[in-house]
Amino acid sequence: MITHWQVLFRLIVAAVLSGFIGFEREFHGRAAGFRTHILLCLGSTLVMLTSIHMVDAFSGKVIGDPGRIAAGVVTGIGFLGAGTIMRSRASVRGLTTATSLWVVSGIGLAVGSGMYFAASVTTALTLVALLVFSRMEHALIRKDWYRVLEVESQIDADNLSRVREVLARYEAEIKDFEVEKDGTGPSAALRISIRLATSRHDDEIIREVKGIAGVKHVKWEVAV
């Protein structure tokens, strides 16, 4: 039988390990952050502990399989992860956060079953993937960059033409374009989904578009 101290220790380990990953997501402004990851991992650990307890409690009385309840966690996490994935025209956002939630649920199951080493190594490798590999991916792997440029400008066809000229100079391909008119004034909000060959000119594009007459505000949409 699992003792109370073992239960307490495993729950604390689950909270600490998931907290590392959750903090990284929270630091980067993701919807599923510090508390979400901790709660998910604690819940997975509790489910695993309950599965093991049921086998111990009913040993010799009924046939039990501690993996059956744990399998329900793996299935159920798909619905929670799907809630963090959003389709935004030319891009899909939230895949990394959904994946981190799925990994954290596995860490919780591992801690609940007493596999502390495996849980710790998985936590370390997950943090490496989120912090280190993402930079390598941007620098070495990705060939195309999909971004959304948000521009607040006066309603003027010439302004749009000048913005297109700026993007053309940096070999940016416009994939989609949206205009939301402010009914109370002469301004409009433009959302331009583009594909870039590199991200090295982000600041230059913002600076040149901001210098166009009539443009009030311009920024890159923050990815999730």
C-alpha atoms as a PDB file:
ATOM      1  CA  MET A   1       0.000   0.000   0.000  1.00  0.00           C
ATOM      2  CA  ILE A   2       1.145   3.539  -0.733  1.00  0.00           C
ATOM      3  CA  THR A   3       1.738   5.535   2.455  1.00  0.00           C
ATOM      4  CA  HIS A   4       0.496   9.068   3.067  1.00  0.00           C
ATOM      5  CA  TRP A   5       4.055  10.380   2.888  1.00  0.00           C
ATOM      6  CA  GLN A   6       4.537   8.767  -0.514  1.00  0.00           C
ATOM      7  CA  VAL A   7       1.313  10.338  -1.760  1.00  0.00           C
ATOM      8  CA  LEU A   8       2.373  13.763  -0.468  1.00  0.00           C
ATOM      9  CA  PHE A   9       5.866  13.439  -1.956  1.00  0.00           C
ATOM     10  CA  ARG A  10       4.610  12.401  -5.389  1.00  0.00           C
ATOM     11  CA  LEU A  11       2.077  15.236  -5.540  1.00  0.00           C
ATOM     12  CA  ILE A  12       4.749  17.792  -4.569  1.00  0.00           C
ATOM     13  CA  VAL A  13       7.172  16.432  -7.191  1.00  0.00           C
ATOM     14  CA  ALA A  14       4.416  16.641  -9.815  1.00  0.00           C
ATOM     15  CA  ALA A  15       3.706  20.270  -8.904  1.00  0.00           C
ATOM     16  CA  VAL A  16       7.399  21.234  -9.030  1.00  0.00           C
ATOM     17  CA  LEU A  17       8.193  19.516 -12.341  1.00  0.00           C
ATOM     18  CA  SER A  18       5.091  20.811 -14.123  1.00  0.00           C
ATOM     19  CA  GLY A  19       5.710  24.244 -12.620  1.00  0.00           C
ATOM     20  CA  PHE A  20       8.998  24.531 -14.529  1.00  0.00           C
ATOM     21  CA  ILE A  21       7.281  23.932 -17.865  1.00  0.00           C
ATOM     22  CA  GLY A  22       4.271  26.042 -16.927  1.00  0.00           C
ATOM     23  CA  PHE A  23       6.495  28.955 -15.950  1.00  0.00           C
ATOM     24  CA  GLU A  24       8.167  28.881 -19.376  1.00  0.00           C
ATOM     25  CA  ARG A  25       4.754  29.011 -21.087  1.00  0.00           C
ATOM     26  CA  GLU A  26       3.543  31.767 -18.726  1.00  0.00           C
ATOM     27  CA  PHE A  27       6.705  33.802 -19.334  1.00  0.00           C
ATOM     28  CA  HIS A  28       5.983  33.786 -23.063  1.00  0.00           C
ATOM     29  CA  GLY A  29       2.386  34.901 -22.531  1.00  0.00           C
ATOM     30  CA  ARG A  30       0.640  31.648 -23.478  1.00  0.00           C
ATOM     31  CA  ALA A  31      -2.971  31.009 -22.523  1.00  0.00           C
ATOM     32  CA  ALA A  32      -2.171  27.749 -20.715  1.00  0.00           C
ATOM     33  CA  GLY A  33       0.522  28.849 -18.298  1.00  0.00           C
ATOM     34  CA  PHE A  34       1.865  28.235 -14.803  1.00  0.00           C
ATOM     35  CA  ARG A  35      -1.289  27.263 -12.921  1.00  0.00           C
ATOM     36  CA  THR A  36      -2.806  25.296 -15.811  1.00  0.00           C
ATOM     37  CA  HIS A  37       0.226  23.034 -16.151  1.00  0.00           C
ATOM     38  CA  ILE A  38       0.476  22.459 -12.397  1.00  0.00           C
ATOM     39  CA  LEU A  39      -3.221  21.615 -12.035  1.00  0.00           C
ATOM     40  CA  LEU A  40      -3.105  19.264 -15.002  1.00  0.00           C
ATOM     41  CA  CYS A  41      -0.044  17.424 -13.701  1.00  0.00           C
ATOM     42  CA  LEU A  42      -1.487  17.179 -10.186  1.00  0.00           C
ATOM     43  CA  GLY A  43      -4.696  15.758 -11.592  1.00  0.00           C
ATOM     44  CA  SER A  44      -2.789  13.177 -13.633  1.00  0.00           C
ATOM     45  CA  THR A  45      -0.738  12.195 -10.599  1.00  0.00           C
ATOM     46  CA  LEU A  46      -3.873  11.805  -8.506  1.00  0.00           C
ATOM     47  CA  VAL A  47      -5.477   9.632 -11.181  1.00  0.00           C
ATOM     48  CA  MET A  48      -2.395   7.403 -11.292  1.00  0.00           C
ATOM     49  CA  LEU A  49      -2.289   7.143  -7.498  1.00  0.00           C
ATOM     50  CA  THR A  50      -5.979   6.255  -7.456  1.00  0.00           C
ATOM     51  CA  SER A  51      -5.407   3.555 -10.077  1.00  0.00           C
ATOM     52  CA  ILE A  52      -2.587   2.000  -8.046  1.00  0.00           C
ATOM     53  CA  HIS A  53      -4.614   2.258  -4.817  1.00  0.00           C
ATOM     54  CA  MET A  54      -7.582   0.474  -6.385  1.00  0.00           C
ATOM     55  CA  VAL A  55      -5.368  -2.434  -7.426  1.00  0.00           C
ATOM     56  CA  ASP A  56      -3.864  -2.659  -3.924  1.00  0.00           C
ATOM     57  CA  ALA A  57      -7.206  -2.262  -2.178  1.00  0.00           C
ATOM     58  CA  PHE A  58      -9.033  -4.869  -4.203  1.00  0.00           C
ATOM     59  CA  SER A  59      -6.128  -7.284  -4.755  1.00  0.00           C
ATOM     60  CA  GLY A  60      -7.424 -10.849  -4.829  1.00  0.00           C
ATOM     61  CA  LYS A  61     -11.043  -9.660  -4.919  1.00  0.00           C
ATOM     62  CA  VAL A  62     -11.349  -8.268  -8.439  1.00  0.00           C
ATOM     63  CA  ILE A  63      -9.072  -8.097 -11.457  1.00  0.00           C
ATOM     64  CA  GLY A  64      -7.640  -4.591 -11.695  1.00  0.00           C
ATOM     65  CA  ASP A  65      -5.546  -2.816 -14.271  1.00  0.00           C
ATOM     66  CA  PRO A  66      -3.935   0.469 -13.137  1.00  0.00           C
ATOM     67  CA  GLY A  67      -3.411   1.453 -16.767  1.00  0.00           C
ATOM     68  CA  ARG A  68      -7.127   1.647 -17.587  1.00  0.00           C
ATOM     69  CA  ILE A  69      -7.807   4.850 -15.650  1.00  0.00           C
ATOM     70  CA  ALA A  70      -4.501   6.327 -16.809  1.00  0.00           C
ATOM     71  CA  ALA A  71      -5.557   5.681 -20.408  1.00  0.00           C
ATOM     72  CA  GLY A  72      -8.572   7.902 -19.766  1.00  0.00           C
ATOM     73  CA  VAL A  73      -6.209  10.776 -18.938  1.00  0.00           C
ATOM     74  CA  VAL A  74      -4.372  10.385 -22.233  1.00  0.00           C
ATOM     75  CA  THR A  75      -7.685  10.418 -24.081  1.00  0.00           C
ATOM     76  CA  GLY A  76      -9.191  13.294 -22.140  1.00  0.00           C
ATOM     77  CA  ILE A  77      -6.174  15.568 -22.476  1.00  0.00           C
ATOM     78  CA  GLY A  78      -6.876  15.742 -26.209  1.00  0.00           C
ATOM     79  CA  PHE A  79      -9.970  17.849 -25.562  1.00  0.00           C
ATOM     80  CA  LEU A  80      -8.110  20.258 -23.287  1.00  0.00           C
ATOM     81  CA  GLY A  81      -5.226  20.575 -25.717  1.00  0.00           C
ATOM     82  CA  ALA A  82      -7.591  21.215 -28.623  1.00  0.00           C
ATOM     83  CA  GLY A  83      -8.904  24.252 -26.766  1.00  0.00           C
ATOM     84  CA  THR A  84      -5.498  25.945 -26.958  1.00  0.00           C
ATOM     85  CA  ILE A  85      -5.136  25.478 -30.739  1.00  0.00           C
ATOM     86  CA  MET A  86      -6.464  28.301 -32.869  1.00  0.00           C
ATOM     87  CA  ARG A  87      -6.596  28.711 -36.619  1.00  0.00           C
ATOM     88  CA  SER A  88      -5.661  32.228 -37.712  1.00  0.00           C
ATOM     89  CA  ARG A  89      -5.932  32.471 -41.486  1.00  0.00           C
ATOM     90  CA  ALA A  90      -2.410  31.758 -42.715  1.00  0.00           C
ATOM     91  CA  SER A  91      -1.162  30.138 -39.519  1.00  0.00           C
ATOM     92  CA  VAL A  92      -2.074  27.721 -36.743  1.00  0.00           C
ATOM     93  CA  ARG A  93      -1.271  28.845 -33.208  1.00  0.00           C
ATOM     94  CA  GLY A  94      -1.151  26.974 -29.906  1.00  0.00           C
ATOM     95  CA  LEU A  95       0.263  23.641 -31.076  1.00  0.00           C
ATOM     96  CA  THR A  96       3.318  23.881 -28.829  1.00  0.00           C
ATOM     97  CA  THR A  97       1.222  24.745 -25.771  1.00  0.00           C
ATOM     98  CA  ALA A  98      -1.178  21.875 -26.504  1.00  0.00           C
ATOM     99  CA  THR A  99       1.774  19.515 -26.801  1.00  0.00           C
ATOM    100  CA  SER A 100       3.294  20.742 -23.528  1.00  0.00           C
ATOM    101  CA  LEU A 101      -0.027  20.061 -21.793  1.00  0.00           C
ATOM    102  CA  TRP A 102      -0.029  16.529 -23.149  1.00  0.00           C
ATOM    103  CA  VAL A 103       3.561  15.966 -21.991  1.00  0.00           C
ATOM    104  CA  VAL A 104       2.762  17.357 -18.529  1.00  0.00           C
ATOM    105  CA  SER A 105      -0.101  14.887 -18.187  1.00  0.00           C
ATOM    106  CA  GLY A 106       2.381  12.100 -18.908  1.00  0.00           C
ATOM    107  CA  ILE A 107       4.763  13.519 -16.305  1.00  0.00           C
ATOM    108  CA  GLY A 108       1.948  13.445 -13.790  1.00  0.00           C
ATOM    109  CA  LEU A 109       1.175   9.798 -14.546  1.00  0.00           C
ATOM    110  CA  ALA A 110       4.861   8.918 -14.249  1.00  0.00           C
ATOM    111  CA  VAL A 111       5.201  10.661 -10.871  1.00  0.00           C
ATOM    112  CA  GLY A 112       2.001   9.023  -9.667  1.00  0.00           C
ATOM    113  CA  SER A 113       3.382   5.567 -10.484  1.00  0.00           C
ATOM    114  CA  GLY A 114       6.717   6.340  -8.804  1.00  0.00           C
ATOM    115  CA  MET A 115       8.868   6.813 -11.923  1.00  0.00           C
ATOM    116  CA  TYR A 116      10.627   9.930 -10.623  1.00  0.00           C
ATOM    117  CA  PHE A 117      13.721   9.608 -12.787  1.00  0.00           C
ATOM    118  CA  ALA A 118      11.709   9.298 -15.996  1.00  0.00           C
ATOM    119  CA  ALA A 119       9.526  12.253 -14.974  1.00  0.00           C
ATOM    120  CA  SER A 120      12.554  14.414 -14.174  1.00  0.00           C
ATOM    121  CA  VAL A 121      14.363  13.571 -17.414  1.00  0.00           C
ATOM    122  CA  THR A 122      11.193  14.263 -19.415  1.00  0.00           C
ATOM    123  CA  THR A 123      10.806  17.637 -17.685  1.00  0.00           C
ATOM    124  CA  ALA A 124      14.405  18.566 -18.480  1.00  0.00           C
ATOM    125  CA  LEU A 125      14.134  17.495 -22.123  1.00  0.00           C
ATOM    126  CA  THR A 126      10.819  19.338 -22.509  1.00  0.00           C
ATOM    127  CA  LEU A 127      12.385  22.557 -21.228  1.00  0.00           C
ATOM    128  CA  VAL A 128      15.307  22.085 -23.616  1.00  0.00           C
ATOM    129  CA  ALA A 129      12.881  21.634 -26.497  1.00  0.00           C
ATOM    130  CA  LEU A 130      10.899  24.755 -25.531  1.00  0.00           C
ATOM    131  CA  LEU A 131      13.832  27.045 -24.753  1.00  0.00           C
ATOM    132  CA  VAL A 132      16.761  25.857 -26.857  1.00  0.00           C
ATOM    133  CA  PHE A 133      15.358  23.981 -29.823  1.00  0.00           C
ATOM    134  CA  SER A 134      12.918  26.787 -30.635  1.00  0.00           C
ATOM    135  CA  ARG A 135      15.858  29.141 -31.227  1.00  0.00           C
ATOM    136  CA  MET A 136      17.629  26.544 -33.350  1.00  0.00           C
ATOM    137  CA  GLU A 137      14.436  26.008 -35.308  1.00  0.00           C
ATOM    138  CA  HIS A 138      14.108  29.704 -36.079  1.00  0.00           C
ATOM    139  CA  ALA A 139      17.763  30.045 -37.033  1.00  0.00           C
ATOM    140  CA  LEU A 140      18.420  26.834 -38.949  1.00  0.00           C
ATOM    141  CA  ILE A 141      15.293  24.901 -39.851  1.00  0.00           C
ATOM    142  CA  ARG A 142      12.400  27.140 -40.814  1.00  0.00           C
ATOM    143  CA  LYS A 143      12.528  28.328 -44.391  1.00  0.00           C
ATOM    144  CA  ASP A 144       9.364  30.408 -44.436  1.00  0.00           C
ATOM    145  CA  TRP A 145       8.012  32.689 -41.730  1.00  0.00           C
ATOM    146  CA  TYR A 146       4.283  33.336 -41.525  1.00  0.00           C
ATOM    147  CA  ARG A 147       3.437  36.546 -39.739  1.00  0.00           C
ATOM    148  CA  VAL A 148       0.467  38.881 -39.374  1.00  0.00           C
ATOM    149  CA  LEU A 149       1.064  42.615 -39.664  1.00  0.00           C
ATOM    150  CA  GLU A 150      -1.491  44.829 -37.912  1.00  0.00           C
ATOM    151  CA  VAL A 151      -1.744  48.370 -39.259  1.00  0.00           C
ATOM    152  CA  GLU A 152      -4.013  51.190 -38.125  1.00  0.00           C
ATOM    153  CA  SER A 153      -4.264  53.721 -40.902  1.00  0.00           C
ATOM    154  CA  GLN A 154      -6.464  56.325 -42.496  1.00  0.00           C
ATOM    155  CA  ILE A 155      -8.781  54.952 -45.163  1.00  0.00           C
ATOM    156  CA  ASP A 156      -6.771  55.653 -48.271  1.00  0.00           C
ATOM    157  CA  ALA A 157      -6.026  53.409 -51.249  1.00  0.00           C
ATOM    158  CA  ASP A 158      -2.605  55.003 -51.573  1.00  0.00           C
ATOM    159  CA  ASN A 159      -1.696  53.905 -48.045  1.00  0.00           C
ATOM    160  CA  LEU A 160      -2.421  50.296 -48.915  1.00  0.00           C
ATOM    161  CA  SER A 161      -0.316  50.578 -52.064  1.00  0.00           C
ATOM    162  CA  ARG A 162       2.612  51.993 -50.080  1.00  0.00           C
ATOM    163  CA  VAL A 163       2.363  49.183 -47.534  1.00  0.00           C
ATOM    164  CA  ARG A 164       2.415  46.633 -50.351  1.00  0.00           C
ATOM    165  CA  GLU A 165       5.486  48.344 -51.824  1.00  0.00           C
ATOM    166  CA  VAL A 166       7.313  48.094 -48.509  1.00  0.00           C
ATOM    167  CA  LEU A 167       6.484  44.393 -48.195  1.00  0.00           C
ATOM    168  CA  ALA A 168       7.518  43.773 -51.808  1.00  0.00           C
ATOM    169  CA  ARG A 169      10.955  45.260 -51.139  1.00  0.00           C
ATOM    170  CA  TYR A 170      11.517  42.610 -48.495  1.00  0.00           C
ATOM    171  CA  GLU A 171      10.140  39.824 -50.720  1.00  0.00           C
ATOM    172  CA  ALA A 172       7.108  39.331 -48.492  1.00  0.00           C
ATOM    173  CA  GLU A 173       4.212  37.470 -50.067  1.00  0.00           C
ATOM    174  CA  ILE A 174       0.743  38.573 -48.959  1.00  0.00           C
ATOM    175  CA  LYS A 175      -1.349  35.492 -48.179  1.00  0.00           C
ATOM    176  CA  ASP A 176      -4.459  37.148 -46.793  1.00  0.00           C
ATOM    177  CA  PHE A 177      -5.812  40.624 -46.122  1.00  0.00           C
ATOM    178  CA  GLU A 178      -8.545  41.934 -43.815  1.00  0.00           C
ATOM    179  CA  VAL A 179      -9.943  45.430 -43.288  1.00  0.00           C
ATOM    180  CA  GLU A 180     -12.027  46.471 -40.297  1.00  0.00           C
ATOM    181  CA  LYS A 181     -13.447  49.977 -40.638  1.00  0.00           C
ATOM    182  CA  ASP A 182     -13.976  52.123 -37.579  1.00  0.00           C
ATOM    183  CA  GLY A 183     -17.488  53.470 -37.989  1.00  0.00           C
ATOM    184  CA  THR A 184     -16.779  56.494 -35.787  1.00  0.00           C
ATOM    185  CA  GLY A 185     -13.808  57.842 -37.697  1.00  0.00           C
ATOM    186  CA  PRO A 186     -11.779  57.820 -40.889  1.00  0.00           C
ATOM    187  CA  SER A 187      -9.418  55.058 -39.686  1.00  0.00           C
ATOM    188  CA  ALA A 188      -9.338  51.363 -40.481  1.00  0.00           C
ATOM    189  CA  ALA A 189      -7.539  48.375 -38.970  1.00  0.00           C
ATOM    190  CA  LEU A 190      -5.633  46.253 -41.471  1.00  0.00           C
ATOM    191  CA  ARG A 191      -4.540  42.656 -40.807  1.00  0.00           C
ATOM    192  CA  ILE A 192      -2.110  41.431 -43.430  1.00  0.00           C
ATOM    193  CA  SER A 193      -1.044  37.770 -43.322  1.00  0.00           C
ATOM    194  CA  ILE A 194       2.309  37.435 -45.066  1.00  0.00           C
ATOM    195  CA  ARG A 195       5.052  34.923 -45.748  1.00  0.00           C
ATOM    196  CA  LEU A 196       8.669  35.954 -45.303  1.00  0.00           C
ATOM    197  CA  ALA A 197      11.866  34.201 -46.284  1.00  0.00           C
ATOM    198  CA  THR A 198      13.547  35.434 -43.079  1.00  0.00           C
ATOM    199  CA  SER A 199      12.662  37.224 -39.852  1.00  0.00           C
ATOM    200  CA  ARG A 200      15.774  39.407 -39.880  1.00  0.00           C
ATOM    201  CA  HIS A 201      13.929  42.385 -41.356  1.00  0.00           C
ATOM    202  CA  ASP A 202      11.030  42.554 -38.891  1.00  0.00           C
ATOM    203  CA  ASP A 203      12.171  45.836 -37.355  1.00  0.00           C
ATOM    204  CA  GLU A 204      12.909  47.418 -40.733  1.00  0.00           C
ATOM    205  CA  ILE A 205       9.438  46.557 -42.040  1.00  0.00           C
ATOM    206  CA  ILE A 206       7.782  48.044 -38.949  1.00  0.00           C
ATOM    207  CA  ARG A 207       9.904  51.196 -39.230  1.00  0.00           C
ATOM    208  CA  GLU A 208       9.161  51.752 -42.922  1.00  0.00           C
ATOM    209  CA  VAL A 209       5.442  51.083 -42.649  1.00  0.00           C
ATOM    210  CA  LYS A 210       5.230  53.396 -39.635  1.00  0.00           C
ATOM    211  CA  GLY A 211       6.849  56.116 -41.752  1.00  0.00           C
ATOM    212  CA  ILE A 212       4.028  56.054 -44.310  1.00  0.00           C
ATOM    213  CA  ALA A 213       1.823  59.139 -44.137  1.00  0.00           C
ATOM    214  CA  GLY A 214      -1.521  58.349 -42.534  1.00  0.00           C
ATOM    215  CA  VAL A 215      -0.338  55.269 -40.641  1.00  0.00           C
ATOM    216  CA  LYS A 216      -1.086  55.719 -36.937  1.00  0.00           C
ATOM    217  CA  HIS A 217       0.063  52.420 -35.483  1.00  0.00           C
ATOM    218  CA  VAL A 218       1.741  49.227 -36.734  1.00  0.00           C
ATOM    219  CA  LYS A 219       2.892  46.012 -35.015  1.00  0.00           C
ATOM    220  CA  TRP A 220       3.382  42.301 -35.527  1.00  0.00           C
ATOM    221  CA  GLU A 221       0.631  40.129 -34.143  1.00  0.00           C
ATOM    222  CA  VAL A 222       1.903  38.167 -31.156  1.00  0.00           C
ATOM    223  CA  ALA A 223       1.907  34.397 -31.772  1.00  0.00           C
ATOM    224  CA  VAL A 224       0.501  31.945 -29.208  1.00  0.00           C
END
